[in-house]
Amino acid sequence: MFDNLQPVTITPRAAQEVMSIMRTKNIPEGYALRLGVKGGGCGGVSLIIGFDKQKPNDLSYQIDGVTVLVDKKHTMYLIGKKVDFYEGADAKGFMFVEMP
């Protein structure tokens, strides 16, 4: 019923960086950006980002030219999140931020 709702967004800068990584790091054909969670227990869950092939329980979204995979069980943890890419003198990388 809610399979078509997009729980997470990606900024144009993050989408551009994902496509660049896929090209320069030779990510194999058929792989997509995976967003999800790991962990649990007292520390809660950590949001993860990586590249993976689609699995049977995944929802798939097209966001700014990037195919995004989310395991259905992880959807509730990603609702209201946005993936951005930060590049500064102190650090560089992807980060999850709350959408306003």
Protein backbone atom coordinates (compact mmCIF):
# COMPACT_ATOMS: atom_id res chain seq x y z
CA MET A 1 0.00 0.00 0.00
CA PHE A 2 2.81 2.46 0.88
CA ASP A 3 5.39 1.00 -1.53
CA ASN A 4 5.31 4.09 -3.77
CA LEU A 5 5.99 6.62 -0.99
CA GLN A 6 9.56 7.82 -0.93
CA PRO A 7 10.80 7.76 2.69
CA VAL A 8 14.09 9.54 2.05
CA THR A 9 15.44 12.19 -0.32
CA ILE A 10 18.88 12.95 -1.73
CA THR A 11 20.26 16.39 -2.40
CA PRO A 12 21.41 17.11 -5.96
CA ARG A 13 25.02 17.36 -4.66
CA ALA A 14 24.77 13.92 -3.04
CA ALA A 15 23.23 12.42 -6.20
CA GLN A 16 26.05 13.90 -8.28
CA GLU A 17 28.64 12.41 -5.92
CA VAL A 18 26.96 8.97 -5.98
CA MET A 19 27.04 8.93 -9.79
CA SER A 20 30.68 10.02 -9.76
CA ILE A 21 31.62 7.24 -7.32
CA MET A 22 29.77 4.66 -9.40
CA ARG A 23 31.77 5.74 -12.47
CA THR A 24 35.20 6.16 -10.91
CA LYS A 25 35.11 3.17 -8.56
CA ASN A 26 33.73 0.81 -11.25
CA ILE A 27 30.64 -0.16 -9.28
CA PRO A 28 29.27 -3.16 -11.25
CA GLU A 29 26.22 -2.91 -13.47
CA GLY A 30 23.06 -3.81 -11.56
CA TYR A 31 24.21 -2.23 -8.30
CA ALA A 32 22.41 0.72 -6.74
CA LEU A 33 22.70 2.98 -3.72
CA ARG A 34 21.52 1.19 -0.55
CA LEU A 35 20.23 3.20 2.39
CA GLY A 36 19.36 1.43 5.60
CA VAL A 37 20.09 0.80 9.26
CA LYS A 38 22.27 -1.49 11.31
CA GLY A 39 22.52 -2.25 14.98
CA GLY A 40 19.94 -1.81 17.65
CA GLY A 41 19.88 -2.45 21.37
CA CYS A 42 20.84 0.26 23.86
CA GLY A 43 22.69 2.37 21.31
CA GLY A 44 19.79 2.45 18.88
CA VAL A 45 20.33 2.11 15.16
CA SER A 46 22.93 3.63 12.86
CA LEU A 47 22.03 4.78 9.37
CA ILE A 48 24.13 3.22 6.62
CA ILE A 49 24.88 4.00 2.99
CA GLY A 50 26.55 1.77 0.42
CA PHE A 51 26.18 0.00 -2.92
CA ASP A 52 24.35 -3.30 -3.34
CA LYS A 53 22.19 -5.39 -5.64
CA GLN A 54 18.43 -5.35 -5.22
CA LYS A 55 17.00 -8.03 -2.90
CA PRO A 56 13.45 -9.44 -2.71
CA ASN A 57 12.39 -7.29 0.29
CA ASP A 58 13.71 -4.03 -1.18
CA LEU A 59 11.78 -0.99 -2.27
CA SER A 60 13.40 0.82 -5.18
CA TYR A 61 13.22 4.56 -5.88
CA GLN A 62 14.63 6.82 -8.59
CA ILE A 63 15.89 10.06 -7.05
CA ASP A 64 17.74 12.60 -9.22
CA GLY A 65 18.96 9.87 -11.58
CA VAL A 66 20.10 7.57 -8.76
CA THR A 67 18.46 4.21 -8.04
CA VAL A 68 17.99 3.94 -4.28
CA LEU A 69 17.30 0.65 -2.50
CA VAL A 70 15.69 0.42 0.94
CA ASP A 71 14.78 -2.79 2.75
CA LYS A 72 11.07 -2.57 3.64
CA LYS A 73 11.93 -3.20 7.31
CA HIS A 74 14.22 -0.14 7.36
CA THR A 75 11.73 2.31 5.84
CA MET A 76 10.41 3.63 9.17
CA TYR A 77 13.93 4.65 10.24
CA LEU A 78 14.51 6.64 7.05
CA ILE A 79 11.26 8.61 6.93
CA GLY A 80 12.03 12.30 7.06
CA LYS A 81 15.75 11.88 6.34
CA LYS A 82 17.76 13.50 3.56
CA VAL A 83 21.15 12.32 2.28
CA ASP A 84 23.54 15.17 1.67
CA PHE A 85 27.22 15.36 0.72
CA TYR A 86 29.55 17.57 2.72
CA GLU A 87 32.94 18.68 1.50
CA GLY A 88 34.95 21.02 3.67
CA ALA A 89 38.46 21.57 4.95
CA ASP A 90 37.75 19.37 7.98
CA ALA A 91 35.86 16.46 6.42
CA LYS A 92 34.26 15.04 3.30
CA GLY A 93 31.45 12.52 3.00
CA PHE A 94 27.79 11.63 3.00
CA MET A 95 25.56 12.47 5.92
CA PHE A 96 21.95 11.97 6.89
CA VAL A 97 20.05 15.07 7.96
CA GLU A 98 16.48 15.64 9.12
CA MET A 99 14.22 17.23 6.54
CA PRO A 100 12.52 20.42 7.73
